[in-house]
Amino acid sequence: QVQLVESGGGLVQPGGSLRLSCAASGSIFSINAITWYRQAPGKERELVATIASGGSTKYADSVKGRFTISRANAVNTAYLQMNSLKPEDTAVYYCNANVITTNSYAIHIWGKGTLVTVSP
């Protein structure tokens, strides 16, 4: 069994920063792409940033220059550093990963999310 657990969400003032973590655990052989999504109240889930196993990254236009995605393969963890936060960044942030398990299955898993609230 493999699971993803997000952490690091909370309440922050506009202009502030937060660092989200996404920790994978279980029967993991390797992890390919890891992607952060977010879903604001009343809106569809949207891609925020993704990082490939080799480290290449892509970002939504709305977060370019403010958010940075990274990963630490040795500990099966990805991070999302969020700077210059705006009220419109308020959302539940979800982590998603493409995992190869130790018994050679390719699976696509989601975490349960962490809430980020940007408010004065």
C-alpha atoms as a PDB file:
ATOM      1  CA  GLN A   1       0.000   0.000   0.000  1.00  0.00           C
ATOM      2  CA  VAL A   2       1.193   3.488  -0.862  1.00  0.00           C
ATOM      3  CA  GLN A   3      -0.037   6.764   0.544  1.00  0.00           C
ATOM      4  CA  LEU A   4       0.641  10.477   0.187  1.00  0.00           C
ATOM      5  CA  VAL A   5       0.328  12.862   3.092  1.00  0.00           C
ATOM      6  CA  GLU A   6       0.365  16.626   2.643  1.00  0.00           C
ATOM      7  CA  SER A   7       1.299  19.042   5.414  1.00  0.00           C
ATOM      8  CA  GLY A   8       2.246  22.664   5.958  1.00  0.00           C
ATOM      9  CA  GLY A   9      -1.027  24.400   5.209  1.00  0.00           C
ATOM     10  CA  GLY A  10      -2.475  27.107   7.398  1.00  0.00           C
ATOM     11  CA  LEU A  11      -3.537  30.724   7.677  1.00  0.00           C
ATOM     12  CA  VAL A  12      -1.174  33.367   6.313  1.00  0.00           C
ATOM     13  CA  GLN A  13      -1.473  37.077   5.548  1.00  0.00           C
ATOM     14  CA  PRO A  14      -1.243  38.375   1.982  1.00  0.00           C
ATOM     15  CA  GLY A  15       2.378  38.672   0.973  1.00  0.00           C
ATOM     16  CA  GLY A  16       3.397  35.884   3.308  1.00  0.00           C
ATOM     17  CA  SER A  17       4.938  32.484   2.639  1.00  0.00           C
ATOM     18  CA  LEU A  18       4.193  28.847   3.313  1.00  0.00           C
ATOM     19  CA  ARG A  19       5.997  25.635   2.513  1.00  0.00           C
ATOM     20  CA  LEU A  20       3.897  22.576   1.773  1.00  0.00           C
ATOM     21  CA  SER A  21       5.252  19.040   1.982  1.00  0.00           C
ATOM     22  CA  CYS A  22       4.037  15.863   0.313  1.00  0.00           C
ATOM     23  CA  ALA A  23       5.433  12.695   1.836  1.00  0.00           C
ATOM     24  CA  ALA A  24       5.007   9.330   0.153  1.00  0.00           C
ATOM     25  CA  SER A  25       5.234   6.106   2.102  1.00  0.00           C
ATOM     26  CA  GLY A  26       4.646   2.410   1.606  1.00  0.00           C
ATOM     27  CA  SER A  27       5.773  -0.128  -0.966  1.00  0.00           C
ATOM     28  CA  ILE A  28       7.529   2.316  -3.273  1.00  0.00           C
ATOM     29  CA  PHE A  29      10.104   1.350  -5.859  1.00  0.00           C
ATOM     30  CA  SER A  30      10.246   4.723  -7.558  1.00  0.00           C
ATOM     31  CA  ILE A  31       8.239   7.899  -8.048  1.00  0.00           C
ATOM     32  CA  ASN A  32       7.891   9.573 -11.414  1.00  0.00           C
ATOM     33  CA  ALA A  33       6.083  12.894 -11.741  1.00  0.00           C
ATOM     34  CA  ILE A  34       4.762  14.622  -8.629  1.00  0.00           C
ATOM     35  CA  THR A  35       2.149  17.310  -9.107  1.00  0.00           C
ATOM     36  CA  TRP A  36       0.497  19.850  -6.828  1.00  0.00           C
ATOM     37  CA  TYR A  37      -3.109  20.765  -7.546  1.00  0.00           C
ATOM     38  CA  ARG A  38      -5.445  23.098  -5.737  1.00  0.00           C
ATOM     39  CA  GLN A  39      -9.167  23.524  -5.465  1.00  0.00           C
ATOM     40  CA  ALA A  40     -10.739  26.743  -4.270  1.00  0.00           C
ATOM     41  CA  PRO A  41     -14.321  26.833  -2.947  1.00  0.00           C
ATOM     42  CA  GLY A  42     -16.793  26.589  -5.804  1.00  0.00           C
ATOM     43  CA  LYS A  43     -14.080  26.080  -8.408  1.00  0.00           C
ATOM     44  CA  GLU A  44     -12.605  23.154 -10.294  1.00  0.00           C
ATOM     45  CA  ARG A  45      -9.337  21.553  -9.273  1.00  0.00           C
ATOM     46  CA  GLU A  46      -6.408  23.113 -11.135  1.00  0.00           C
ATOM     47  CA  LEU A  47      -2.789  22.170 -11.678  1.00  0.00           C
ATOM     48  CA  VAL A  48      -0.355  24.349  -9.765  1.00  0.00           C
ATOM     49  CA  ALA A  49       3.059  22.828 -10.437  1.00  0.00           C
ATOM     50  CA  THR A  50       4.629  19.560 -11.476  1.00  0.00           C
ATOM     51  CA  ILE A  51       8.107  18.096 -11.199  1.00  0.00           C
ATOM     52  CA  ALA A  52       9.465  15.147 -13.152  1.00  0.00           C
ATOM     53  CA  SER A  53      11.725  12.479 -11.696  1.00  0.00           C
ATOM     54  CA  GLY A  54      14.692  14.203 -13.303  1.00  0.00           C
ATOM     55  CA  GLY A  55      13.790  17.543 -11.778  1.00  0.00           C
ATOM     56  CA  SER A  56      12.253  19.443 -14.674  1.00  0.00           C
ATOM     57  CA  THR A  57       9.365  21.639 -13.596  1.00  0.00           C
ATOM     58  CA  LYS A  58       6.260  23.329 -14.967  1.00  0.00           C
ATOM     59  CA  TYR A  59       4.002  25.906 -13.351  1.00  0.00           C
ATOM     60  CA  ALA A  60       0.598  27.412 -13.828  1.00  0.00           C
ATOM     61  CA  ASP A  61       0.864  30.968 -15.128  1.00  0.00           C
ATOM     62  CA  SER A  62      -0.870  32.226 -12.000  1.00  0.00           C
ATOM     63  CA  VAL A  63       1.963  31.057  -9.722  1.00  0.00           C
ATOM     64  CA  LYS A  64       5.051  31.507 -11.900  1.00  0.00           C
ATOM     65  CA  GLY A  65       7.710  33.495 -10.118  1.00  0.00           C
ATOM     66  CA  ARG A  66       6.027  33.025  -6.727  1.00  0.00           C
ATOM     67  CA  PHE A  67       5.888  29.252  -6.174  1.00  0.00           C
ATOM     68  CA  THR A  68       8.721  26.738  -6.397  1.00  0.00           C
ATOM     69  CA  ILE A  69       8.280  22.979  -6.561  1.00  0.00           C
ATOM     70  CA  SER A  70      11.111  20.677  -5.507  1.00  0.00           C
ATOM     71  CA  ARG A  71      11.651  17.096  -4.427  1.00  0.00           C
ATOM     72  CA  ALA A  72      13.926  15.028  -2.226  1.00  0.00           C
ATOM     73  CA  ASN A  73      13.987  11.602  -3.816  1.00  0.00           C
ATOM     74  CA  ALA A  74      15.918  10.008  -0.961  1.00  0.00           C
ATOM     75  CA  VAL A  75      12.989  10.612   1.382  1.00  0.00           C
ATOM     76  CA  ASN A  76      10.169  10.348  -1.185  1.00  0.00           C
ATOM     77  CA  THR A  77       9.034  13.881  -0.463  1.00  0.00           C
ATOM     78  CA  ALA A  78       8.041  16.847  -2.592  1.00  0.00           C
ATOM     79  CA  TYR A  79       7.715  20.448  -1.533  1.00  0.00           C
ATOM     80  CA  LEU A  80       5.881  23.538  -2.693  1.00  0.00           C
ATOM     81  CA  GLN A  81       7.419  26.800  -1.531  1.00  0.00           C
ATOM     82  CA  MET A  82       4.799  29.516  -1.854  1.00  0.00           C
ATOM     83  CA  ASN A  83       5.873  33.146  -1.600  1.00  0.00           C
ATOM     84  CA  SER A  84       4.036  36.439  -2.099  1.00  0.00           C
ATOM     85  CA  LEU A  85       0.769  34.718  -1.348  1.00  0.00           C
ATOM     86  CA  LYS A  86      -2.466  36.322  -2.487  1.00  0.00           C
ATOM     87  CA  PRO A  87      -6.041  35.829  -1.279  1.00  0.00           C
ATOM     88  CA  GLU A  88      -6.781  34.072  -4.575  1.00  0.00           C
ATOM     89  CA  ASP A  89      -4.272  31.367  -3.589  1.00  0.00           C
ATOM     90  CA  THR A  90      -6.711  30.243  -0.909  1.00  0.00           C
ATOM     91  CA  ALA A  91      -7.574  26.618  -1.624  1.00  0.00           C
ATOM     92  CA  VAL A  92      -7.123  23.027  -0.570  1.00  0.00           C
ATOM     93  CA  TYR A  93      -3.792  21.899  -2.004  1.00  0.00           C
ATOM     94  CA  TYR A  94      -3.485  18.286  -3.118  1.00  0.00           C
ATOM     95  CA  CYS A  95      -0.442  16.227  -3.995  1.00  0.00           C
ATOM     96  CA  ASN A  96      -0.533  13.653  -6.765  1.00  0.00           C
ATOM     97  CA  ALA A  97       2.139  11.143  -7.732  1.00  0.00           C
ATOM     98  CA  ASN A  98       2.837   8.487 -10.334  1.00  0.00           C
ATOM     99  CA  VAL A  99       4.396   5.630  -8.373  1.00  0.00           C
ATOM    100  CA  ILE A 100       6.013   2.338  -9.328  1.00  0.00           C
ATOM    101  CA  THR A 101       5.444  -0.100  -6.472  1.00  0.00           C
ATOM    102  CA  THR A 102       7.859  -2.744  -5.271  1.00  0.00           C
ATOM    103  CA  ASN A 103       5.738  -5.398  -7.032  1.00  0.00           C
ATOM    104  CA  SER A 104       5.989  -3.454 -10.307  1.00  0.00           C
ATOM    105  CA  TYR A 105       2.556  -1.871 -10.446  1.00  0.00           C
ATOM    106  CA  ALA A 106       2.230   1.651 -11.835  1.00  0.00           C
ATOM    107  CA  ILE A 107      -0.257   3.572  -9.727  1.00  0.00           C
ATOM    108  CA  HIS A 108      -1.596   7.099  -9.617  1.00  0.00           C
ATOM    109  CA  ILE A 109      -2.284   8.294  -6.078  1.00  0.00           C
ATOM    110  CA  TRP A 110      -3.654  11.376  -4.350  1.00  0.00           C
ATOM    111  CA  GLY A 111      -3.223  12.809  -0.904  1.00  0.00           C
ATOM    112  CA  LYS A 112      -6.141  14.094   1.142  1.00  0.00           C
ATOM    113  CA  GLY A 113      -5.106  17.728   0.870  1.00  0.00           C
ATOM    114  CA  THR A 114      -4.023  20.575   3.100  1.00  0.00           C
ATOM    115  CA  LEU A 115      -5.882  23.859   3.439  1.00  0.00           C
ATOM    116  CA  VAL A 116      -4.156  27.144   2.673  1.00  0.00           C
ATOM    117  CA  THR A 117      -5.985  30.314   3.643  1.00  0.00           C
ATOM    118  CA  VAL A 118      -4.587  33.709   2.669  1.00  0.00           C
ATOM    119  CA  SER A 119      -6.380  36.455   4.551  1.00  0.00           C
ATOM    120  CA  PRO A 120      -5.541  39.672   6.440  1.00  0.00           C
END
